[in-house]
Amino acid sequence: MNTRKENELVEIKKSIIKTQFVSMIAVTLIGLGVYGIFVAKGNAFHPVLNNQEILNAMLVVGIILEIRHIFQLIPLLKRYAAFKRGVGV
């Protein structure tokens, strides 16, 4: 592999990792939102998780971030797979 392709492969891997950090935040928001709504029922480990408006906002933001993550990740994974096959997009 020449240097340009190696550099591009490294950049694709870095982009995948960056998008996975966004996903980590999204999943945390979704998890805390679901916990506050369905499990805690007014007796959460933190008072913020007892506020229904905040929980709804956490779910909405988490879902939007996760959808954005999916739309960013799929093309990156396709490019990564193409490079691994040797096609090089």
PDB file of N, CA and C in Angstrom:
ATOM      1  N   MET A   1       0.838  -1.172   0.000  1.00  0.00           N
ATOM      2  CA  MET A   1       0.000   0.000   0.000  1.00  0.00           C
ATOM      3  C   MET A   1       0.882   1.235   0.000  1.00  0.00           C
ATOM      4  N   ASN A   2       0.490   2.212  -0.788  1.00  0.00           N
ATOM      5  CA  ASN A   2       1.289   3.423  -0.777  1.00  0.00           C
ATOM      6  C   ASN A   2       0.886   4.313   0.392  1.00  0.00           C
ATOM      7  N   THR A   3       1.648   5.347   0.595  1.00  0.00           N
ATOM      8  CA  THR A   3       1.463   6.193   1.768  1.00  0.00           C
ATOM      9  C   THR A   3       0.121   6.923   1.752  1.00  0.00           C
ATOM     10  N   ARG A   4      -0.323   7.356   0.582  1.00  0.00           N
ATOM     11  CA  ARG A   4      -1.590   8.082   0.502  1.00  0.00           C
ATOM     12  C   ARG A   4      -2.749   7.202   0.953  1.00  0.00           C
ATOM     13  N   LYS A   5      -2.752   5.955   0.493  1.00  0.00           N
ATOM     14  CA  LYS A   5      -3.830   5.041   0.881  1.00  0.00           C
ATOM     15  C   LYS A   5      -3.756   4.709   2.371  1.00  0.00           C
ATOM     16  N   GLU A   6      -2.543   4.544   2.881  1.00  0.00           N
ATOM     17  CA  GLU A   6      -2.398   4.269   4.310  1.00  0.00           C
ATOM     18  C   GLU A   6      -2.906   5.446   5.134  1.00  0.00           C
ATOM     19  N   ASN A   7      -2.564   6.660   4.704  1.00  0.00           N
ATOM     20  CA  ASN A   7      -3.035   7.848   5.419  1.00  0.00           C
ATOM     21  C   ASN A   7      -4.554   7.966   5.364  1.00  0.00           C
ATOM     22  N   GLU A   8      -5.127   7.656   4.214  1.00  0.00           N
ATOM     23  CA  GLU A   8      -6.577   7.728   4.097  1.00  0.00           C
ATOM     24  C   GLU A   8      -7.252   6.671   4.970  1.00  0.00           C
ATOM     25  N   LEU A   9      -6.663   5.493   5.051  1.00  0.00           N
ATOM     26  CA  LEU A   9      -7.209   4.445   5.912  1.00  0.00           C
ATOM     27  C   LEU A   9      -7.148   4.866   7.380  1.00  0.00           C
ATOM     28  N   VAL A  10      -6.051   5.493   7.777  1.00  0.00           N
ATOM     29  CA  VAL A  10      -5.923   5.989   9.150  1.00  0.00           C
ATOM     30  C   VAL A  10      -6.971   7.070   9.420  1.00  0.00           C
ATOM     31  N   GLU A  11      -7.207   7.949   8.457  1.00  0.00           N
ATOM     32  CA  GLU A  11      -8.213   9.001   8.622  1.00  0.00           C
ATOM     33  C   GLU A  11      -9.618   8.414   8.742  1.00  0.00           C
ATOM     34  N   ILE A  12      -9.892   7.368   7.979  1.00  0.00           N
ATOM     35  CA  ILE A  12     -11.200   6.711   8.081  1.00  0.00           C
ATOM     36  C   ILE A  12     -11.368   6.109   9.472  1.00  0.00           C
ATOM     37  N   LYS A  13     -10.334   5.455   9.976  1.00  0.00           N
ATOM     38  CA  LYS A  13     -10.407   4.870  11.321  1.00  0.00           C
ATOM     39  C   LYS A  13     -10.624   5.945  12.376  1.00  0.00           C
ATOM     40  N   LYS A  14      -9.933   7.084  12.245  1.00  0.00           N
ATOM     41  CA  LYS A  14     -10.109   8.184  13.199  1.00  0.00           C
ATOM     42  C   LYS A  14     -11.533   8.722  13.150  1.00  0.00           C
ATOM     43  N   SER A  15     -12.084   8.840  11.955  1.00  0.00           N
ATOM     44  CA  SER A  15     -13.455   9.331  11.811  1.00  0.00           C
ATOM     45  C   SER A  15     -14.456   8.364  12.433  1.00  0.00           C
ATOM     46  N   ILE A  16     -14.213   7.076  12.270  1.00  0.00           N
ATOM     47  CA  ILE A  16     -15.090   6.072  12.881  1.00  0.00           C
ATOM     48  C   ILE A  16     -15.052   6.194  14.399  1.00  0.00           C
ATOM     49  N   ILE A  17     -13.875   6.367  14.960  1.00  0.00           N
ATOM     50  CA  ILE A  17     -13.747   6.500  16.416  1.00  0.00           C
ATOM     51  C   ILE A  17     -14.443   7.764  16.905  1.00  0.00           C
ATOM     52  N   LYS A  18     -14.298   8.871  16.178  1.00  0.00           N
ATOM     53  CA  LYS A  18     -14.957  10.120  16.572  1.00  0.00           C
ATOM     54  C   LYS A  18     -16.472   9.965  16.564  1.00  0.00           C
ATOM     55  N   THR A  19     -17.005   9.314  15.552  1.00  0.00           N
ATOM     56  CA  THR A  19     -18.456   9.137  15.507  1.00  0.00           C
ATOM     57  C   THR A  19     -18.928   8.190  16.613  1.00  0.00           C
ATOM     58  N   GLN A  20     -18.090   7.258  17.016  1.00  0.00           N
ATOM     59  CA  GLN A  20     -18.476   6.356  18.098  1.00  0.00           C
ATOM     60  C   GLN A  20     -18.514   7.071  19.445  1.00  0.00           C
ATOM     61  N   PHE A  21     -17.714   8.120  19.618  1.00  0.00           N
ATOM     62  CA  PHE A  21     -17.811   8.920  20.837  1.00  0.00           C
ATOM     63  C   PHE A  21     -19.149   9.651  20.896  1.00  0.00           C
ATOM     64  N   VAL A  22     -19.610  10.158  19.756  1.00  0.00           N
ATOM     65  CA  VAL A  22     -20.928  10.797  19.704  1.00  0.00           C
ATOM     66  C   VAL A  22     -22.006   9.772  20.044  1.00  0.00           C
ATOM     67  N   SER A  23     -21.857   8.568  19.550  1.00  0.00           N
ATOM     68  CA  SER A  23     -22.815   7.512  19.845  1.00  0.00           C
ATOM     69  C   SER A  23     -22.818   7.162  21.332  1.00  0.00           C
ATOM     70  N   MET A  24     -21.656   7.193  21.946  1.00  0.00           N
ATOM     71  CA  MET A  24     -21.567   6.891  23.370  1.00  0.00           C
ATOM     72  C   MET A  24     -22.381   7.907  24.179  1.00  0.00           C
ATOM     73  N   ILE A  25     -22.290   9.176  23.813  1.00  0.00           N
ATOM     74  CA  ILE A  25     -23.064  10.213  24.488  1.00  0.00           C
ATOM     75  C   ILE A  25     -24.557   9.996  24.247  1.00  0.00           C
ATOM     76  N   ALA A  26     -24.914   9.673  23.012  1.00  0.00           N
ATOM     77  CA  ALA A  26     -26.321   9.462  22.667  1.00  0.00           C
ATOM     78  C   ALA A  26     -26.913   8.291  23.441  1.00  0.00           C
ATOM     79  N   VAL A  27     -26.190   7.201  23.506  1.00  0.00           N
ATOM     80  CA  VAL A  27     -26.692   6.019  24.208  1.00  0.00           C
ATOM     81  C   VAL A  27     -26.817   6.298  25.707  1.00  0.00           C
ATOM     82  N   THR A  28     -25.900   7.078  26.257  1.00  0.00           N
ATOM     83  CA  THR A  28     -25.990   7.451  27.669  1.00  0.00           C
ATOM     84  C   THR A  28     -27.242   8.286  27.924  1.00  0.00           C
ATOM     85  N   LEU A  29     -27.506   9.258  27.057  1.00  0.00           N
ATOM     86  CA  LEU A  29     -28.717  10.074  27.207  1.00  0.00           C
ATOM     87  C   LEU A  29     -29.977   9.222  27.091  1.00  0.00           C
ATOM     88  N   ILE A  30     -30.004   8.334  26.117  1.00  0.00           N
ATOM     89  CA  ILE A  30     -31.169   7.463  25.946  1.00  0.00           C
ATOM     90  C   ILE A  30     -31.338   6.558  27.164  1.00  0.00           C
ATOM     91  N   GLY A  31     -30.253   5.992  27.637  1.00  0.00           N
ATOM     92  CA  GLY A  31     -30.322   5.102  28.792  1.00  0.00           C
ATOM     93  C   GLY A  31     -30.817   5.802  30.043  1.00  0.00           C
ATOM     94  N   LEU A  32     -30.289   6.998  30.314  1.00  0.00           N
ATOM     95  CA  LEU A  32     -30.741   7.740  31.489  1.00  0.00           C
ATOM     96  C   LEU A  32     -32.197   8.183  31.339  1.00  0.00           C
ATOM     97  N   GLY A  33     -32.579   8.546  30.116  1.00  0.00           N
ATOM     98  CA  GLY A  33     -33.970   8.931  29.885  1.00  0.00           C
ATOM     99  C   GLY A  33     -34.932   7.781  30.122  1.00  0.00           C
ATOM    100  N   VAL A  34     -34.594   6.626  29.600  1.00  0.00           N
ATOM    101  CA  VAL A  34     -35.442   5.443  29.798  1.00  0.00           C
ATOM    102  C   VAL A  34     -35.470   5.052  31.275  1.00  0.00           C
ATOM    103  N   TYR A  35     -34.326   5.142  31.939  1.00  0.00           N
ATOM    104  CA  TYR A  35     -34.279   4.838  33.375  1.00  0.00           C
ATOM    105  C   TYR A  35     -35.207   5.770  34.150  1.00  0.00           C
ATOM    106  N   GLY A  36     -35.108   7.060  33.866  1.00  0.00           N
ATOM    107  CA  GLY A  36     -35.922   8.028  34.598  1.00  0.00           C
ATOM    108  C   GLY A  36     -37.408   7.863  34.355  1.00  0.00           C
ATOM    109  N   ILE A  37     -37.781   7.501  33.141  1.00  0.00           N
ATOM    110  CA  ILE A  37     -39.205   7.388  32.808  1.00  0.00           C
ATOM    111  C   ILE A  37     -39.802   6.069  33.297  1.00  0.00           C
ATOM    112  N   PHE A  38     -39.125   4.963  33.029  1.00  0.00           N
ATOM    113  CA  PHE A  38     -39.741   3.658  33.268  1.00  0.00           C
ATOM    114  C   PHE A  38     -39.296   2.960  34.552  1.00  0.00           C
ATOM    115  N   VAL A  39     -38.110   3.273  35.049  1.00  0.00           N
ATOM    116  CA  VAL A  39     -37.602   2.541  36.206  1.00  0.00           C
ATOM    117  C   VAL A  39     -37.729   3.356  37.486  1.00  0.00           C
ATOM    118  N   ALA A  40     -37.241   4.589  37.473  1.00  0.00           N
ATOM    119  CA  ALA A  40     -37.167   5.386  38.698  1.00  0.00           C
ATOM    120  C   ALA A  40     -38.549   5.784  39.212  1.00  0.00           C
ATOM    121  N   LYS A  41     -39.409   6.233  38.321  1.00  0.00           N
ATOM    122  CA  LYS A  41     -40.775   6.636  38.683  1.00  0.00           C
ATOM    123  C   LYS A  41     -40.797   7.617  39.857  1.00  0.00           C
ATOM    124  N   GLY A  42     -39.978   8.664  39.759  1.00  0.00           N
ATOM    125  CA  GLY A  42     -39.957   9.703  40.787  1.00  0.00           C
ATOM    126  C   GLY A  42     -38.977   9.464  41.909  1.00  0.00           C
ATOM    127  N   ASN A  43     -38.245   8.372  41.894  1.00  0.00           N
ATOM    128  CA  ASN A  43     -37.289   8.064  42.959  1.00  0.00           C
ATOM    129  C   ASN A  43     -35.919   7.763  42.354  1.00  0.00           C
ATOM    130  N   ALA A  44     -35.430   8.658  41.503  1.00  0.00           N
ATOM    131  CA  ALA A  44     -34.162   8.439  40.804  1.00  0.00           C
ATOM    132  C   ALA A  44     -32.982   8.746  41.719  1.00  0.00           C
ATOM    133  N   PHE A  45     -31.813   8.297  41.308  1.00  0.00           N
ATOM    134  CA  PHE A  45     -30.601   8.539  42.093  1.00  0.00           C
ATOM    135  C   PHE A  45     -30.134   9.987  42.000  1.00  0.00           C
ATOM    136  N   HIS A  46     -30.675  10.753  41.053  1.00  0.00           N
ATOM    137  CA  HIS A  46     -30.370  12.179  40.936  1.00  0.00           C
ATOM    138  C   HIS A  46     -31.680  12.926  40.694  1.00  0.00           C
ATOM    139  N   PRO A  47     -31.864  14.077  41.352  1.00  0.00           N
ATOM    140  CA  PRO A  47     -33.141  14.791  41.220  1.00  0.00           C
ATOM    141  C   PRO A  47     -33.482  15.221  39.793  1.00  0.00           C
ATOM    142  N   VAL A  48     -32.484  15.454  38.964  1.00  0.00           N
ATOM    143  CA  VAL A  48     -32.750  15.857  37.583  1.00  0.00           C
ATOM    144  C   VAL A  48     -33.516  14.764  36.845  1.00  0.00           C
ATOM    145  N   LEU A  49     -33.271  13.517  37.195  1.00  0.00           N
ATOM    146  CA  LEU A  49     -33.915  12.399  36.508  1.00  0.00           C
ATOM    147  C   LEU A  49     -35.362  12.183  36.955  1.00  0.00           C
ATOM    148  N   ASN A  50     -35.847  13.042  37.844  1.00  0.00           N
ATOM    149  CA  ASN A  50     -37.252  12.986  38.239  1.00  0.00           C
ATOM    150  C   ASN A  50     -38.106  13.979  37.455  1.00  0.00           C
ATOM    151  N   ASN A  51     -37.478  14.871  36.686  1.00  0.00           N
ATOM    152  CA  ASN A  51     -38.181  15.890  35.917  1.00  0.00           C
ATOM    153  C   ASN A  51     -38.549  15.322  34.543  1.00  0.00           C
ATOM    154  N   GLN A  52     -39.842  15.224  34.278  1.00  0.00           N
ATOM    155  CA  GLN A  52     -40.324  14.600  33.042  1.00  0.00           C
ATOM    156  C   GLN A  52     -39.895  15.370  31.799  1.00  0.00           C
ATOM    157  N   GLU A  53     -39.870  16.698  31.863  1.00  0.00           N
ATOM    158  CA  GLU A  53     -39.474  17.499  30.701  1.00  0.00           C
ATOM    159  C   GLU A  53     -38.012  17.251  30.337  1.00  0.00           C
ATOM    160  N   ILE A  54     -37.167  17.172  31.335  1.00  0.00           N
ATOM    161  CA  ILE A  54     -35.745  16.914  31.088  1.00  0.00           C
ATOM    162  C   ILE A  54     -35.556  15.513  30.522  1.00  0.00           C
ATOM    163  N   LEU A  55     -36.292  14.556  31.035  1.00  0.00           N
ATOM    164  CA  LEU A  55     -36.187  13.184  30.533  1.00  0.00           C
ATOM    165  C   LEU A  55     -36.625  13.091  29.076  1.00  0.00           C
ATOM    166  N   ASN A  56     -37.705  13.774  28.733  1.00  0.00           N
ATOM    167  CA  ASN A  56     -38.154  13.781  27.337  1.00  0.00           C
ATOM    168  C   ASN A  56     -37.109  14.433  26.435  1.00  0.00           C
ATOM    169  N   ALA A  57     -36.522  15.533  26.905  1.00  0.00           N
ATOM    170  CA  ALA A  57     -35.482  16.207  26.127  1.00  0.00           C
ATOM    171  C   ALA A  57     -34.260  15.305  25.958  1.00  0.00           C
ATOM    172  N   MET A  58     -33.901  14.576  27.011  1.00  0.00           N
ATOM    173  CA  MET A  58     -32.763  13.657  26.924  1.00  0.00           C
ATOM    174  C   MET A  58     -33.023  12.578  25.878  1.00  0.00           C
ATOM    175  N   LEU A  59     -34.225  12.046  25.866  1.00  0.00           N
ATOM    176  CA  LEU A  59     -34.567  11.021  24.876  1.00  0.00           C
ATOM    177  C   LEU A  59     -34.527  11.577  23.458  1.00  0.00           C
ATOM    178  N   VAL A  60     -35.097  12.756  23.263  1.00  0.00           N
ATOM    179  CA  VAL A  60     -35.134  13.346  21.920  1.00  0.00           C
ATOM    180  C   VAL A  60     -33.723  13.638  21.424  1.00  0.00           C
ATOM    181  N   VAL A  61     -32.915  14.274  22.261  1.00  0.00           N
ATOM    182  CA  VAL A  61     -31.541  14.600  21.863  1.00  0.00           C
ATOM    183  C   VAL A  61     -30.742  13.323  21.625  1.00  0.00           C
ATOM    184  N   GLY A  62     -30.894  12.339  22.489  1.00  0.00           N
ATOM    185  CA  GLY A  62     -30.177  11.077  22.323  1.00  0.00           C
ATOM    186  C   GLY A  62     -30.550  10.357  21.039  1.00  0.00           C
ATOM    187  N   ILE A  63     -31.831  10.334  20.723  1.00  0.00           N
ATOM    188  CA  ILE A  63     -32.281   9.666  19.496  1.00  0.00           C
ATOM    189  C   ILE A  63     -31.786  10.409  18.264  1.00  0.00           C
ATOM    190  N   ILE A  64     -31.842  11.741  18.293  1.00  0.00           N
ATOM    191  CA  ILE A  64     -31.352  12.526  17.152  1.00  0.00           C
ATOM    192  C   ILE A  64     -29.858  12.303  16.950  1.00  0.00           C
ATOM    193  N   LEU A  65     -29.090  12.316  18.033  1.00  0.00           N
ATOM    194  CA  LEU A  65     -27.648  12.076  17.917  1.00  0.00           C
ATOM    195  C   LEU A  65     -27.357  10.678  17.386  1.00  0.00           C
ATOM    196  N   GLU A  66     -28.128   9.705  17.819  1.00  0.00           N
ATOM    197  CA  GLU A  66     -27.894   8.331  17.370  1.00  0.00           C
ATOM    198  C   GLU A  66     -28.238   8.162  15.891  1.00  0.00           C
ATOM    199  N   ILE A  67     -29.311   8.793  15.445  1.00  0.00           N
ATOM    200  CA  ILE A  67     -29.654   8.739  14.016  1.00  0.00           C
ATOM    201  C   ILE A  67     -28.561   9.407  13.198  1.00  0.00           C
ATOM    202  N   ARG A  68     -28.077  10.552  13.661  1.00  0.00           N
ATOM    203  CA  ARG A  68     -26.982  11.247  12.971  1.00  0.00           C
ATOM    204  C   ARG A  68     -25.742  10.356  12.924  1.00  0.00           C
ATOM    205  N   HIS A  69     -25.465   9.672  14.021  1.00  0.00           N
ATOM    206  CA  HIS A  69     -24.312   8.778  14.089  1.00  0.00           C
ATOM    207  C   HIS A  69     -24.429   7.660  13.057  1.00  0.00           C
ATOM    208  N   ILE A  70     -25.600   7.081  12.943  1.00  0.00           N
ATOM    209  CA  ILE A  70     -25.795   5.988  11.990  1.00  0.00           C
ATOM    210  C   ILE A  70     -25.564   6.460  10.562  1.00  0.00           C
ATOM    211  N   PHE A  71     -26.104   7.642  10.232  1.00  0.00           N
ATOM    212  CA  PHE A  71     -25.931   8.165   8.875  1.00  0.00           C
ATOM    213  C   PHE A  71     -24.489   8.560   8.584  1.00  0.00           C
ATOM    214  N   GLN A  72     -23.705   8.883   9.596  1.00  0.00           N
ATOM    215  CA  GLN A  72     -22.285   9.167   9.389  1.00  0.00           C
ATOM    216  C   GLN A  72     -21.467   7.888   9.343  1.00  0.00           C
ATOM    217  N   LEU A  73     -21.844   6.899  10.130  1.00  0.00           N
ATOM    218  CA  LEU A  73     -21.038   5.696  10.273  1.00  0.00           C
ATOM    219  C   LEU A  73     -21.141   4.766   9.064  1.00  0.00           C
ATOM    220  N   ILE A  74     -22.303   4.628   8.484  1.00  0.00           N
ATOM    221  CA  ILE A  74     -22.480   3.685   7.379  1.00  0.00           C
ATOM    222  C   ILE A  74     -21.552   3.987   6.204  1.00  0.00           C
ATOM    223  N   PRO A  75     -21.466   5.235   5.708  1.00  0.00           N
ATOM    224  CA  PRO A  75     -20.520   5.497   4.607  1.00  0.00           C
ATOM    225  C   PRO A  75     -19.061   5.263   5.004  1.00  0.00           C
ATOM    226  N   LEU A  76     -18.719   5.585   6.249  1.00  0.00           N
ATOM    227  CA  LEU A  76     -17.345   5.350   6.699  1.00  0.00           C
ATOM    228  C   LEU A  76     -17.017   3.860   6.706  1.00  0.00           C
ATOM    229  N   LEU A  77     -17.955   3.050   7.167  1.00  0.00           N
ATOM    230  CA  LEU A  77     -17.716   1.607   7.189  1.00  0.00           C
ATOM    231  C   LEU A  77     -17.646   1.026   5.783  1.00  0.00           C
ATOM    232  N   LYS A  78     -18.438   1.575   4.868  1.00  0.00           N
ATOM    233  CA  LYS A  78     -18.362   1.121   3.474  1.00  0.00           C
ATOM    234  C   LYS A  78     -17.001   1.462   2.873  1.00  0.00           C
ATOM    235  N   ARG A  79     -16.517   2.671   3.131  1.00  0.00           N
ATOM    236  CA  ARG A  79     -15.195   3.060   2.622  1.00  0.00           C
ATOM    237  C   ARG A  79     -14.105   2.192   3.241  1.00  0.00           C
ATOM    238  N   TYR A  80     -14.227   1.922   4.546  1.00  0.00           N
ATOM    239  CA  TYR A  80     -13.241   1.090   5.233  1.00  0.00           C
ATOM    240  C   TYR A  80     -13.233  -0.322   4.646  1.00  0.00           C
ATOM    241  N   ALA A  81     -14.415  -0.876   4.403  1.00  0.00           N
ATOM    242  CA  ALA A  81     -14.504  -2.223   3.829  1.00  0.00           C
ATOM    243  C   ALA A  81     -13.923  -2.252   2.421  1.00  0.00           C
ATOM    244  N   ALA A  82     -14.157  -1.194   1.647  1.00  0.00           N
ATOM    245  CA  ALA A  82     -13.607  -1.131   0.293  1.00  0.00           C
ATOM    246  C   ALA A  82     -12.081  -1.091   0.332  1.00  0.00           C
ATOM    247  N   PHE A  83     -11.517  -0.358   1.261  1.00  0.00           N
ATOM    248  CA  PHE A  83     -10.060  -0.315   1.385  1.00  0.00           C
ATOM    249  C   PHE A  83      -9.501  -1.659   1.827  1.00  0.00           C
ATOM    250  N   LYS A  84     -10.203  -2.322   2.733  1.00  0.00           N
ATOM    251  CA  LYS A  84      -9.726  -3.629   3.200  1.00  0.00           C
ATOM    252  C   LYS A  84      -9.774  -4.667   2.077  1.00  0.00           C
ATOM    253  N   ARG A  85     -10.748  -4.544   1.166  1.00  0.00           N
ATOM    254  CA  ARG A  85     -10.820  -5.444   0.016  1.00  0.00           C
ATOM    255  C   ARG A  85      -9.787  -5.084  -1.037  1.00  0.00           C
ATOM    256  N   GLY A  86      -9.266  -3.885  -0.951  1.00  0.00           N
ATOM    257  CA  GLY A  86      -8.263  -3.461  -1.914  1.00  0.00           C
ATOM    258  C   GLY A  86      -8.806  -2.634  -3.048  1.00  0.00           C
ATOM    259  N   VAL A  87     -10.093  -2.296  -2.984  1.00  0.00           N
ATOM    260  CA  VAL A  87     -10.709  -1.522  -4.049  1.00  0.00           C
ATOM    261  C   VAL A  87     -10.256  -0.077  -3.966  1.00  0.00           C
ATOM    262  N   GLY A  88     -10.320   0.512  -2.778  1.00  0.00           N
ATOM    263  CA  GLY A  88      -9.901   1.894  -2.573  1.00  0.00           C
ATOM    264  C   GLY A  88     -10.796   2.877  -3.284  1.00  0.00           C
ATOM    265  N   VAL A  89     -11.764   3.392  -2.585  1.00  0.00           N
ATOM    266  CA  VAL A  89     -12.741   4.313  -3.171  1.00  0.00           C
ATOM    267  C   VAL A  89     -12.111   5.668  -3.380  1.00  0.00           C
TER     268      VAL A  89
END
